[in-house]
């Protein structure tokens, strides 16, 4: 039982009573704000959907910027590598 008390941060019964009192207080505030548990879950779901939509949109934008830059950078890099590796390329060996 000592491990459970350590986990709970005190006596089990005391922790349960604290959780009940805090739950009633939070429930009163939420009822005063006219919120239901189902509405809170729906709001959380909508928040996560918007967050993922914006996050994936940002990833899509970053990928398009990458492709736009790669169209210029990769051919230049390839030409420089080919010139450097050629015998008359002037590069140090």
Foldseek 3Di string as FASTA:
>chain_A
DVVVCVVLVHDPVVSVVVVVVVVVVVVVVCVVVVHDPVNVVVVVVVVVVVVVVVVVVVVVVVVVVVVVVCVPPVVVVVVLVVLQPDPNSPHDD
